[in-house]
Amino acid sequence: MLCVAVDCGTSPAVSHICGSVTVRVGCAGSGLFRACREKQVCFYWSYFSGIMGLVIEFIIFAMYPVVLYKYNQHNKMTNAVNHSDFARTVTICAAFLVNVVFSWAPGCIPNEPTIPAIRPEKRTGVWYNYLYFGDHPPRVNDWLKSTKIGKGNLPGTSTPALLTNVEISWWTPDYKQCAGQFAQTYVTKDGREVMVVYNSDSPNPLSLTSYALYEDYYFMQIRYFCTAPDTKTGICGAPNFFINTRSRPDTMQPKELARVREIADEVLARYCLSSRDFKHEDWKKEWPACSARPPSCYVDLINGLAQQFGKA
């Protein structure tokens, strides 16, 4: 039997357990069809809709002269009034409706996904990147440390937030640079992390919002952010995912890594992604620890916030 699951990321999937194959309508991607996790088939509605819209519009306009001729012949036989203008209007309206319906191309990775509630303080500490997806250059021994600064509110709001200092360090693949990023973040209970990010080699910050798709605090986390949000469609043009673990991936047992992938597949299925779509972060035990130095402007920022918000 063939099952159909309508799953656009922003709404719950409508699925039926009735067979070994699932067709998912509404997935964004780079091809017309694509094999997804297990025996699912990811059906790319955005591509299909564009093609089908054109085909159906062509059929409508191609059939218009035939339908109009038959309609007028009938009118002549029954002495009815010629309603060619009415028929033409109906045809144009039908073509317009088809265009509207089939041009709606939902995607599976929204700018702001629906996420579970979290406990901000429990996600602090050290995390190691295991898998990543997006416009992220290759790194070696990529890890981060999140430290509590204090408690406050999201800027310009009354939403309580935990202020943290996030230090991310990694080696470049050529082993020539210990690079890093540094983020002053506001973490809220609804799973958002509003960040001001500095690179170790640049004083110019970048503003981003990260979302916790999965967080168990002790084993792994899945974080997502969008670097090219589309405000018209609500669908992200450049999604980025990071799957982090509490233990270094190169020290974990195969069954532990398999469990990480299993959980990731369950979480990512609604976006028509699986862990197989991700790239491995490289880990080398023989390389020494890398702890990048933050720019002085970032140090000043953290010190100022620590004085203002303390260790509440």
C-alpha atoms as a PDB file:
ATOM      1  CA  MET A   1       0.000   0.000   0.000  1.00  0.00           C
ATOM      2  CA  LEU A   2       1.051   3.613  -0.524  1.00  0.00           C
ATOM      3  CA  CYS A   3       0.941   6.080   2.351  1.00  0.00           C
ATOM      4  CA  VAL A   4       0.818   9.840   1.970  1.00  0.00           C
ATOM      5  CA  ALA A   5       2.172  12.198   4.626  1.00  0.00           C
ATOM      6  CA  VAL A   6       1.634  15.930   4.213  1.00  0.00           C
ATOM      7  CA  ASP A   7       4.510  17.442   6.138  1.00  0.00           C
ATOM      8  CA  CYS A   8       5.609  21.037   5.581  1.00  0.00           C
ATOM      9  CA  GLY A   9       7.645  21.595   8.690  1.00  0.00           C
ATOM     10  CA  THR A  10       5.354  24.288  10.067  1.00  0.00           C
ATOM     11  CA  SER A  11       2.416  21.940  10.638  1.00  0.00           C
ATOM     12  CA  PRO A  12       2.126  18.408  12.041  1.00  0.00           C
ATOM     13  CA  ALA A  13       2.441  15.580   9.581  1.00  0.00           C
ATOM     14  CA  VAL A  14      -0.662  13.714   8.482  1.00  0.00           C
ATOM     15  CA  SER A  15       0.588  10.161   8.198  1.00  0.00           C
ATOM     16  CA  HIS A  16      -0.852   6.696   7.941  1.00  0.00           C
ATOM     17  CA  ILE A  17       0.854   3.498   9.007  1.00  0.00           C
ATOM     18  CA  CYS A  18      -0.343   1.357   6.170  1.00  0.00           C
ATOM     19  CA  GLY A  19       2.640   0.101   4.265  1.00  0.00           C
ATOM     20  CA  SER A  20       6.331   0.268   3.576  1.00  0.00           C
ATOM     21  CA  VAL A  21       6.403   3.388   1.406  1.00  0.00           C
ATOM     22  CA  THR A  22       5.535   6.939   2.406  1.00  0.00           C
ATOM     23  CA  VAL A  23       5.217   9.850   0.015  1.00  0.00           C
ATOM     24  CA  ARG A  24       5.965  13.153   1.713  1.00  0.00           C
ATOM     25  CA  VAL A  25       4.408  16.161   0.008  1.00  0.00           C
ATOM     26  CA  GLY A  26       5.940  19.536   0.758  1.00  0.00           C
ATOM     27  CA  CYS A  27       9.642  18.869   1.047  1.00  0.00           C
ATOM     28  CA  ALA A  28      12.247  21.366  -0.074  1.00  0.00           C
ATOM     29  CA  GLY A  29      15.373  20.159  -1.811  1.00  0.00           C
ATOM     30  CA  SER A  30      17.533  20.108  -4.880  1.00  0.00           C
ATOM     31  CA  GLY A  31      15.849  17.436  -6.989  1.00  0.00           C
ATOM     32  CA  LEU A  32      12.485  16.160  -8.156  1.00  0.00           C
ATOM     33  CA  PHE A  33      12.654  12.913  -6.228  1.00  0.00           C
ATOM     34  CA  ARG A  34      14.964  11.914  -3.471  1.00  0.00           C
ATOM     35  CA  ALA A  35      15.384   8.842  -1.299  1.00  0.00           C
ATOM     36  CA  CYS A  36      14.761   9.621   2.349  1.00  0.00           C
ATOM     37  CA  ARG A  37      15.284   7.755   5.560  1.00  0.00           C
ATOM     38  CA  GLU A  38      14.182   4.121   5.713  1.00  0.00           C
ATOM     39  CA  LYS A  39      11.795   3.394   2.822  1.00  0.00           C
ATOM     40  CA  GLN A  40      10.253   6.816   2.495  1.00  0.00           C
ATOM     41  CA  VAL A  41      10.209   8.730  -0.749  1.00  0.00           C
ATOM     42  CA  CYS A  42      10.583  12.468  -0.485  1.00  0.00           C
ATOM     43  CA  PHE A  43       8.388  14.080  -3.086  1.00  0.00           C
ATOM     44  CA  TYR A  44       9.405  17.617  -3.932  1.00  0.00           C
ATOM     45  CA  TRP A  45       6.176  19.531  -4.281  1.00  0.00           C
ATOM     46  CA  SER A  46       7.871  22.798  -5.234  1.00  0.00           C
ATOM     47  CA  TYR A  47       9.275  21.275  -8.432  1.00  0.00           C
ATOM     48  CA  PHE A  48       6.238  19.136  -9.158  1.00  0.00           C
ATOM     49  CA  SER A  49       3.843  22.042  -8.634  1.00  0.00           C
ATOM     50  CA  GLY A  50       5.632  24.257 -11.127  1.00  0.00           C
ATOM     51  CA  ILE A  51       5.632  21.576 -13.820  1.00  0.00           C
ATOM     52  CA  MET A  52       2.050  20.441 -13.204  1.00  0.00           C
ATOM     53  CA  GLY A  53       0.794  24.016 -13.102  1.00  0.00           C
ATOM     54  CA  LEU A  54       2.195  24.681 -16.559  1.00  0.00           C
ATOM     55  CA  VAL A  55       0.907  21.378 -17.935  1.00  0.00           C
ATOM     56  CA  ILE A  56      -2.641  21.903 -16.664  1.00  0.00           C
ATOM     57  CA  GLU A  57      -2.725  25.507 -17.858  1.00  0.00           C
ATOM     58  CA  PHE A  58      -1.586  24.351 -21.309  1.00  0.00           C
ATOM     59  CA  ILE A  59      -4.321  21.720 -21.378  1.00  0.00           C
ATOM     60  CA  ILE A  60      -6.954  24.271 -20.338  1.00  0.00           C
ATOM     61  CA  PHE A  61      -6.000  26.748 -23.053  1.00  0.00           C
ATOM     62  CA  ALA A  62      -5.504  23.998 -25.660  1.00  0.00           C
ATOM     63  CA  MET A  63      -8.976  22.626 -24.968  1.00  0.00           C
ATOM     64  CA  TYR A  64     -10.581  26.071 -24.954  1.00  0.00           C
ATOM     65  CA  PRO A  65     -11.225  26.261 -28.778  1.00  0.00           C
ATOM     66  CA  VAL A  66     -12.643  22.724 -28.801  1.00  0.00           C
ATOM     67  CA  VAL A  67     -14.918  23.342 -25.833  1.00  0.00           C
ATOM     68  CA  LEU A  68     -16.033  26.690 -27.234  1.00  0.00           C
ATOM     69  CA  TYR A  69     -16.808  25.146 -30.648  1.00  0.00           C
ATOM     70  CA  LYS A  70     -18.869  22.365 -29.058  1.00  0.00           C
ATOM     71  CA  TYR A  71     -20.591  24.882 -26.827  1.00  0.00           C
ATOM     72  CA  ASN A  72     -21.551  27.120 -29.773  1.00  0.00           C
ATOM     73  CA  GLN A  73     -22.710  24.147 -31.845  1.00  0.00           C
ATOM     74  CA  HIS A  74     -24.988  23.197 -28.989  1.00  0.00           C
ATOM     75  CA  ASN A  75     -26.287  26.745 -28.793  1.00  0.00           C
ATOM     76  CA  LYS A  76     -27.087  26.789 -32.518  1.00  0.00           C
ATOM     77  CA  MET A  77     -28.989  23.523 -32.264  1.00  0.00           C
ATOM     78  CA  THR A  78     -30.990  24.736 -29.280  1.00  0.00           C
ATOM     79  CA  ASN A  79     -31.264  28.383 -30.436  1.00  0.00           C
ATOM     80  CA  ALA A  80     -29.500  29.429 -27.262  1.00  0.00           C
ATOM     81  CA  VAL A  81     -27.548  32.631 -26.906  1.00  0.00           C
ATOM     82  CA  ASN A  82     -23.837  32.460 -27.711  1.00  0.00           C
ATOM     83  CA  HIS A  83     -21.964  32.753 -24.435  1.00  0.00           C
ATOM     84  CA  SER A  84     -18.400  32.703 -25.802  1.00  0.00           C
ATOM     85  CA  ASP A  85     -17.368  35.625 -23.591  1.00  0.00           C
ATOM     86  CA  PHE A  86     -18.656  33.797 -20.549  1.00  0.00           C
ATOM     87  CA  ALA A  87     -16.807  30.614 -21.567  1.00  0.00           C
ATOM     88  CA  ARG A  88     -13.622  32.584 -22.160  1.00  0.00           C
ATOM     89  CA  THR A  89     -13.904  34.180 -18.726  1.00  0.00           C
ATOM     90  CA  VAL A  90     -14.444  30.824 -17.057  1.00  0.00           C
ATOM     91  CA  THR A  91     -11.394  29.402 -18.835  1.00  0.00           C
ATOM     92  CA  ILE A  92      -9.148  32.276 -17.795  1.00  0.00           C
ATOM     93  CA  CYS A  93     -10.371  32.078 -14.191  1.00  0.00           C
ATOM     94  CA  ALA A  94      -9.774  28.325 -14.128  1.00  0.00           C
ATOM     95  CA  ALA A  95      -6.244  28.803 -15.431  1.00  0.00           C
ATOM     96  CA  PHE A  96      -5.611  31.492 -12.812  1.00  0.00           C
ATOM     97  CA  LEU A  97      -6.875  29.228 -10.021  1.00  0.00           C
ATOM     98  CA  VAL A  98      -4.617  26.397 -11.178  1.00  0.00           C
ATOM     99  CA  ASN A  99      -1.660  28.764 -11.222  1.00  0.00           C
ATOM    100  CA  VAL A 100      -2.378  29.938  -7.663  1.00  0.00           C
ATOM    101  CA  VAL A 101      -2.824  26.415  -6.309  1.00  0.00           C
ATOM    102  CA  PHE A 102       0.229  24.926  -7.972  1.00  0.00           C
ATOM    103  CA  SER A 103       2.515  27.874  -7.375  1.00  0.00           C
ATOM    104  CA  TRP A 104       2.141  27.419  -3.611  1.00  0.00           C
ATOM    105  CA  ALA A 105       5.328  25.558  -2.835  1.00  0.00           C
ATOM    106  CA  PRO A 106       5.632  24.782   0.848  1.00  0.00           C
ATOM    107  CA  GLY A 107       9.056  23.937   2.134  1.00  0.00           C
ATOM    108  CA  CYS A 108      10.164  21.754   5.021  1.00  0.00           C
ATOM    109  CA  ILE A 109      12.591  24.074   6.764  1.00  0.00           C
ATOM    110  CA  PRO A 110      10.869  27.225   8.026  1.00  0.00           C
ATOM    111  CA  ASN A 111      12.661  30.356   9.162  1.00  0.00           C
ATOM    112  CA  GLU A 112      11.328  29.861  12.685  1.00  0.00           C
ATOM    113  CA  PRO A 113      10.493  26.204  13.408  1.00  0.00           C
ATOM    114  CA  THR A 114       8.186  24.932  16.100  1.00  0.00           C
ATOM    115  CA  ILE A 115      10.429  23.850  18.953  1.00  0.00           C
ATOM    116  CA  PRO A 116      10.009  22.256  22.393  1.00  0.00           C
ATOM    117  CA  ALA A 117      10.490  24.118  25.665  1.00  0.00           C
ATOM    118  CA  ILE A 118      13.914  23.833  27.289  1.00  0.00           C
ATOM    119  CA  ARG A 119      15.663  24.501  30.597  1.00  0.00           C
ATOM    120  CA  PRO A 120      18.324  27.067  29.616  1.00  0.00           C
ATOM    121  CA  GLU A 121      20.725  26.515  32.515  1.00  0.00           C
ATOM    122  CA  LYS A 122      20.977  22.777  31.855  1.00  0.00           C
ATOM    123  CA  ARG A 123      22.313  23.330  28.323  1.00  0.00           C
ATOM    124  CA  THR A 124      25.397  25.203  29.529  1.00  0.00           C
ATOM    125  CA  GLY A 125      28.731  23.425  29.652  1.00  0.00           C
ATOM    126  CA  VAL A 126      30.826  21.726  26.973  1.00  0.00           C
ATOM    127  CA  TRP A 127      29.467  20.327  23.693  1.00  0.00           C
ATOM    128  CA  TYR A 128      31.261  18.651  20.778  1.00  0.00           C
ATOM    129  CA  ASN A 129      30.120  18.895  17.176  1.00  0.00           C
ATOM    130  CA  TYR A 130      29.501  15.501  15.583  1.00  0.00           C
ATOM    131  CA  LEU A 131      27.490  16.257  12.422  1.00  0.00           C
ATOM    132  CA  TYR A 132      26.622  19.438  10.548  1.00  0.00           C
ATOM    133  CA  PHE A 133      24.517  20.577   7.603  1.00  0.00           C
ATOM    134  CA  GLY A 134      24.770  23.891   5.734  1.00  0.00           C
ATOM    135  CA  ASP A 135      27.278  26.496   4.581  1.00  0.00           C
ATOM    136  CA  HIS A 136      29.819  25.573   7.207  1.00  0.00           C
ATOM    137  CA  PRO A 137      33.497  25.192   6.220  1.00  0.00           C
ATOM    138  CA  PRO A 138      35.307  22.013   7.284  1.00  0.00           C
ATOM    139  CA  ARG A 139      36.668  22.049  10.837  1.00  0.00           C
ATOM    140  CA  VAL A 140      38.724  19.721  13.000  1.00  0.00           C
ATOM    141  CA  ASN A 141      38.031  19.147  16.706  1.00  0.00           C
ATOM    142  CA  ASP A 142      35.126  21.608  16.774  1.00  0.00           C
ATOM    143  CA  TRP A 143      33.842  22.159  20.317  1.00  0.00           C
ATOM    144  CA  LEU A 144      32.054  24.814  22.334  1.00  0.00           C
ATOM    145  CA  LYS A 145      31.743  25.903  25.929  1.00  0.00           C
ATOM    146  CA  SER A 146      28.659  27.739  27.183  1.00  0.00           C
ATOM    147  CA  THR A 147      29.020  29.656  30.459  1.00  0.00           C
ATOM    148  CA  LYS A 148      26.305  31.415  32.416  1.00  0.00           C
ATOM    149  CA  ILE A 149      26.687  35.199  32.751  1.00  0.00           C
ATOM    150  CA  GLY A 150      23.461  35.984  34.593  1.00  0.00           C
ATOM    151  CA  LYS A 151      19.712  36.384  34.168  1.00  0.00           C
ATOM    152  CA  GLY A 152      17.863  39.168  32.416  1.00  0.00           C
ATOM    153  CA  ASN A 153      15.333  39.764  29.629  1.00  0.00           C
ATOM    154  CA  LEU A 154      15.521  39.597  25.877  1.00  0.00           C
ATOM    155  CA  PRO A 155      16.494  43.097  24.728  1.00  0.00           C
ATOM    156  CA  GLY A 156      13.424  45.266  24.255  1.00  0.00           C
ATOM    157  CA  THR A 157      11.066  42.692  25.779  1.00  0.00           C
ATOM    158  CA  SER A 158       9.914  41.372  29.142  1.00  0.00           C
ATOM    159  CA  THR A 159      10.763  37.771  28.183  1.00  0.00           C
ATOM    160  CA  PRO A 160      13.075  36.198  30.806  1.00  0.00           C
ATOM    161  CA  ALA A 161      16.343  34.903  29.405  1.00  0.00           C
ATOM    162  CA  LEU A 162      19.595  33.350  30.532  1.00  0.00           C
ATOM    163  CA  LEU A 163      22.630  35.332  29.373  1.00  0.00           C
ATOM    164  CA  THR A 164      25.517  33.108  28.349  1.00  0.00           C
ATOM    165  CA  ASN A 165      29.007  33.368  26.937  1.00  0.00           C
ATOM    166  CA  VAL A 166      29.539  30.766  24.199  1.00  0.00           C
ATOM    167  CA  GLU A 167      33.099  30.091  23.055  1.00  0.00           C
ATOM    168  CA  ILE A 168      33.544  27.896  19.958  1.00  0.00           C
ATOM    169  CA  SER A 169      37.007  26.704  18.901  1.00  0.00           C
ATOM    170  CA  TRP A 170      38.360  24.493  16.115  1.00  0.00           C
ATOM    171  CA  TRP A 171      41.423  23.772  14.029  1.00  0.00           C
ATOM    172  CA  THR A 172      41.458  24.510  10.319  1.00  0.00           C
ATOM    173  CA  PRO A 173      41.981  21.292   8.303  1.00  0.00           C
ATOM    174  CA  ASP A 174      45.546  22.327   7.387  1.00  0.00           C
ATOM    175  CA  TYR A 175      46.410  22.598  11.101  1.00  0.00           C
ATOM    176  CA  LYS A 176      47.614  26.166  10.551  1.00  0.00           C
ATOM    177  CA  GLN A 177      45.062  28.075  12.615  1.00  0.00           C
ATOM    178  CA  CYS A 178      43.175  27.626  15.848  1.00  0.00           C
ATOM    179  CA  ALA A 179      40.086  29.629  14.930  1.00  0.00           C
ATOM    180  CA  GLY A 180      36.960  30.472  16.853  1.00  0.00           C
ATOM    181  CA  GLN A 181      33.625  32.182  17.206  1.00  0.00           C
ATOM    182  CA  PHE A 182      32.273  33.860  20.302  1.00  0.00           C
ATOM    183  CA  ALA A 183      28.605  34.451  20.981  1.00  0.00           C
ATOM    184  CA  GLN A 184      26.907  36.461  23.665  1.00  0.00           C
ATOM    185  CA  THR A 185      23.504  34.828  23.841  1.00  0.00           C
ATOM    186  CA  TYR A 186      20.065  35.227  25.396  1.00  0.00           C
ATOM    187  CA  VAL A 187      18.532  31.776  25.886  1.00  0.00           C
ATOM    188  CA  THR A 188      14.776  31.589  26.530  1.00  0.00           C
ATOM    189  CA  LYS A 189      12.641  28.733  27.830  1.00  0.00           C
ATOM    190  CA  ASP A 190      10.859  28.423  24.484  1.00  0.00           C
ATOM    191  CA  GLY A 191      14.087  27.136  22.878  1.00  0.00           C
ATOM    192  CA  ARG A 192      15.367  30.302  21.224  1.00  0.00           C
ATOM    193  CA  GLU A 193      18.922  31.538  21.502  1.00  0.00           C
ATOM    194  CA  VAL A 194      19.360  35.138  20.335  1.00  0.00           C
ATOM    195  CA  MET A 195      23.047  35.621  19.587  1.00  0.00           C
ATOM    196  CA  VAL A 196      25.560  38.323  18.816  1.00  0.00           C
ATOM    197  CA  VAL A 197      28.446  36.425  17.189  1.00  0.00           C
ATOM    198  CA  TYR A 198      32.057  37.559  16.826  1.00  0.00           C
ATOM    199  CA  ASN A 199      34.761  35.778  14.830  1.00  0.00           C
ATOM    200  CA  SER A 200      38.236  35.496  16.322  1.00  0.00           C
ATOM    201  CA  ASP A 201      39.703  37.432  13.388  1.00  0.00           C
ATOM    202  CA  SER A 202      37.034  40.134  13.091  1.00  0.00           C
ATOM    203  CA  PRO A 203      35.583  42.798  15.414  1.00  0.00           C
ATOM    204  CA  ASN A 204      32.352  43.025  13.398  1.00  0.00           C
ATOM    205  CA  PRO A 205      29.508  41.032  15.003  1.00  0.00           C
ATOM    206  CA  LEU A 206      26.723  39.066  13.343  1.00  0.00           C
ATOM    207  CA  SER A 207      23.215  38.717  14.772  1.00  0.00           C
ATOM    208  CA  LEU A 208      21.581  35.280  14.599  1.00  0.00           C
ATOM    209  CA  THR A 209      18.821  33.323  16.310  1.00  0.00           C
ATOM    210  CA  SER A 210      19.393  29.645  17.006  1.00  0.00           C
ATOM    211  CA  TYR A 211      16.616  27.145  17.750  1.00  0.00           C
ATOM    212  CA  ALA A 212      16.869  24.026  19.893  1.00  0.00           C
ATOM    213  CA  LEU A 213      15.174  21.277  17.863  1.00  0.00           C
ATOM    214  CA  TYR A 214      16.215  18.664  20.394  1.00  0.00           C
ATOM    215  CA  GLU A 215      17.852  18.950  23.802  1.00  0.00           C
ATOM    216  CA  ASP A 216      18.328  16.259  26.424  1.00  0.00           C
ATOM    217  CA  TYR A 217      21.183  18.096  28.248  1.00  0.00           C
ATOM    218  CA  TYR A 218      23.214  14.971  29.028  1.00  0.00           C
ATOM    219  CA  PHE A 219      23.694  13.183  25.693  1.00  0.00           C
ATOM    220  CA  MET A 220      23.067  15.301  22.598  1.00  0.00           C
ATOM    221  CA  GLN A 221      21.430  18.388  21.121  1.00  0.00           C
ATOM    222  CA  ILE A 222      20.272  19.504  17.657  1.00  0.00           C
ATOM    223  CA  ARG A 223      20.539  23.205  16.913  1.00  0.00           C
ATOM    224  CA  TYR A 224      19.269  25.083  13.884  1.00  0.00           C
ATOM    225  CA  PHE A 225      19.657  28.580  12.519  1.00  0.00           C
ATOM    226  CA  CYS A 226      18.870  30.238   9.193  1.00  0.00           C
ATOM    227  CA  THR A 227      21.332  32.575   7.479  1.00  0.00           C
ATOM    228  CA  ALA A 228      18.997  33.493   4.605  1.00  0.00           C
ATOM    229  CA  PRO A 229      15.378  33.686   5.853  1.00  0.00           C
ATOM    230  CA  ASP A 230      12.665  34.370   3.268  1.00  0.00           C
ATOM    231  CA  THR A 231      10.117  36.676   4.916  1.00  0.00           C
ATOM    232  CA  LYS A 232       7.602  36.226   2.083  1.00  0.00           C
ATOM    233  CA  THR A 233       7.373  32.442   2.121  1.00  0.00           C
ATOM    234  CA  GLY A 234       8.554  31.841   5.688  1.00  0.00           C
ATOM    235  CA  ILE A 235      10.953  29.195   4.322  1.00  0.00           C
ATOM    236  CA  CYS A 236      14.690  29.333   4.968  1.00  0.00           C
ATOM    237  CA  GLY A 237      16.947  29.734   1.950  1.00  0.00           C
ATOM    238  CA  ALA A 238      20.116  28.646   3.775  1.00  0.00           C
ATOM    239  CA  PRO A 239      19.420  26.311   6.719  1.00  0.00           C
ATOM    240  CA  ASN A 240      22.173  25.238   9.087  1.00  0.00           C
ATOM    241  CA  PHE A 241      22.007  22.346  11.545  1.00  0.00           C
ATOM    242  CA  PHE A 242      24.475  21.190  14.179  1.00  0.00           C
ATOM    243  CA  ILE A 243      24.258  17.889  16.033  1.00  0.00           C
ATOM    244  CA  ASN A 244      26.363  18.147  19.181  1.00  0.00           C
ATOM    245  CA  THR A 245      27.217  15.562  21.815  1.00  0.00           C
ATOM    246  CA  ARG A 246      28.335  15.830  25.429  1.00  0.00           C
ATOM    247  CA  SER A 247      31.236  13.440  24.799  1.00  0.00           C
ATOM    248  CA  ARG A 248      33.872  13.742  22.112  1.00  0.00           C
ATOM    249  CA  PRO A 249      32.580  11.761  19.122  1.00  0.00           C
ATOM    250  CA  ASP A 250      35.919   9.989  18.669  1.00  0.00           C
ATOM    251  CA  THR A 251      35.624   8.577  22.203  1.00  0.00           C
ATOM    252  CA  MET A 252      32.031   7.371  21.916  1.00  0.00           C
ATOM    253  CA  GLN A 253      31.018   3.759  21.332  1.00  0.00           C
ATOM    254  CA  PRO A 254      29.467   2.787  17.970  1.00  0.00           C
ATOM    255  CA  LYS A 255      26.145   2.033  19.649  1.00  0.00           C
ATOM    256  CA  GLU A 256      26.157   5.534  21.187  1.00  0.00           C
ATOM    257  CA  LEU A 257      26.802   7.170  17.829  1.00  0.00           C
ATOM    258  CA  ALA A 258      24.081   5.001  16.303  1.00  0.00           C
ATOM    259  CA  ARG A 259      21.694   6.256  18.974  1.00  0.00           C
ATOM    260  CA  VAL A 260      22.620   9.855  18.128  1.00  0.00           C
ATOM    261  CA  ARG A 261      21.746   9.207  14.501  1.00  0.00           C
ATOM    262  CA  GLU A 262      18.530   7.432  15.423  1.00  0.00           C
ATOM    263  CA  ILE A 263      17.324  10.380  17.490  1.00  0.00           C
ATOM    264  CA  ALA A 264      18.433  12.832  14.802  1.00  0.00           C
ATOM    265  CA  ASP A 265      16.532  10.917  12.136  1.00  0.00           C
ATOM    266  CA  GLU A 266      13.350  11.075  14.207  1.00  0.00           C
ATOM    267  CA  VAL A 267      13.686  14.827  14.769  1.00  0.00           C
ATOM    268  CA  LEU A 268      14.762  15.700  11.226  1.00  0.00           C
ATOM    269  CA  ALA A 269      12.199  13.542   9.412  1.00  0.00           C
ATOM    270  CA  ARG A 270       9.626  16.349   9.420  1.00  0.00           C
ATOM    271  CA  TYR A 271      12.096  18.451   7.398  1.00  0.00           C
ATOM    272  CA  CYS A 272      12.703  15.561   5.000  1.00  0.00           C
ATOM    273  CA  LEU A 273      16.264  15.257   6.228  1.00  0.00           C
ATOM    274  CA  SER A 274      18.169  12.492   7.931  1.00  0.00           C
ATOM    275  CA  SER A 275      21.597  12.138   9.494  1.00  0.00           C
ATOM    276  CA  ARG A 276      22.821  10.781   6.155  1.00  0.00           C
ATOM    277  CA  ASP A 277      22.403  14.278   4.702  1.00  0.00           C
ATOM    278  CA  PHE A 278      24.907  15.661   7.214  1.00  0.00           C
ATOM    279  CA  LYS A 279      28.684  15.873   7.055  1.00  0.00           C
ATOM    280  CA  HIS A 280      30.963  14.456   9.727  1.00  0.00           C
ATOM    281  CA  GLU A 281      33.027  16.822  11.788  1.00  0.00           C
ATOM    282  CA  ASP A 282      36.609  15.576  11.781  1.00  0.00           C
ATOM    283  CA  TRP A 283      38.160  14.613  15.106  1.00  0.00           C
ATOM    284  CA  LYS A 284      41.865  13.916  15.586  1.00  0.00           C
ATOM    285  CA  LYS A 285      43.069  12.642  18.945  1.00  0.00           C
ATOM    286  CA  GLU A 286      46.701  13.402  18.130  1.00  0.00           C
ATOM    287  CA  TRP A 287      46.038  17.133  17.705  1.00  0.00           C
ATOM    288  CA  PRO A 288      46.322  19.304  20.838  1.00  0.00           C
ATOM    289  CA  ALA A 289      43.364  21.186  22.268  1.00  0.00           C
ATOM    290  CA  CYS A 290      42.397  24.375  20.486  1.00  0.00           C
ATOM    291  CA  SER A 291      41.110  27.335  22.513  1.00  0.00           C
ATOM    292  CA  ALA A 292      40.799  30.408  20.321  1.00  0.00           C
ATOM    293  CA  ARG A 293      41.277  33.886  21.752  1.00  0.00           C
ATOM    294  CA  PRO A 294      38.296  36.251  21.514  1.00  0.00           C
ATOM    295  CA  PRO A 295      38.663  39.809  20.178  1.00  0.00           C
ATOM    296  CA  SER A 296      39.111  42.465  22.833  1.00  0.00           C
ATOM    297  CA  CYS A 297      35.750  44.082  22.041  1.00  0.00           C
ATOM    298  CA  TYR A 298      34.012  40.792  22.867  1.00  0.00           C
ATOM    299  CA  VAL A 299      35.892  40.477  26.161  1.00  0.00           C
ATOM    300  CA  ASP A 300      34.779  43.996  27.070  1.00  0.00           C
ATOM    301  CA  LEU A 301      31.173  43.113  26.208  1.00  0.00           C
ATOM    302  CA  ILE A 302      31.157  40.015  28.424  1.00  0.00           C
ATOM    303  CA  ASN A 303      32.818  41.829  31.319  1.00  0.00           C
ATOM    304  CA  GLY A 304      30.267  44.639  31.108  1.00  0.00           C
ATOM    305  CA  LEU A 305      27.319  42.208  31.099  1.00  0.00           C
ATOM    306  CA  ALA A 306      28.804  40.259  34.015  1.00  0.00           C
ATOM    307  CA  GLN A 307      28.982  43.448  36.072  1.00  0.00           C
ATOM    308  CA  GLN A 308      25.437  44.424  35.097  1.00  0.00           C
ATOM    309  CA  PHE A 309      23.686  41.074  35.566  1.00  0.00           C
ATOM    310  CA  GLY A 310      26.048  39.396  38.010  1.00  0.00           C
ATOM    311  CA  LYS A 311      25.702  35.699  38.692  1.00  0.00           C
ATOM    312  CA  ALA A 312      22.002  35.715  39.527  1.00  0.00           C
END
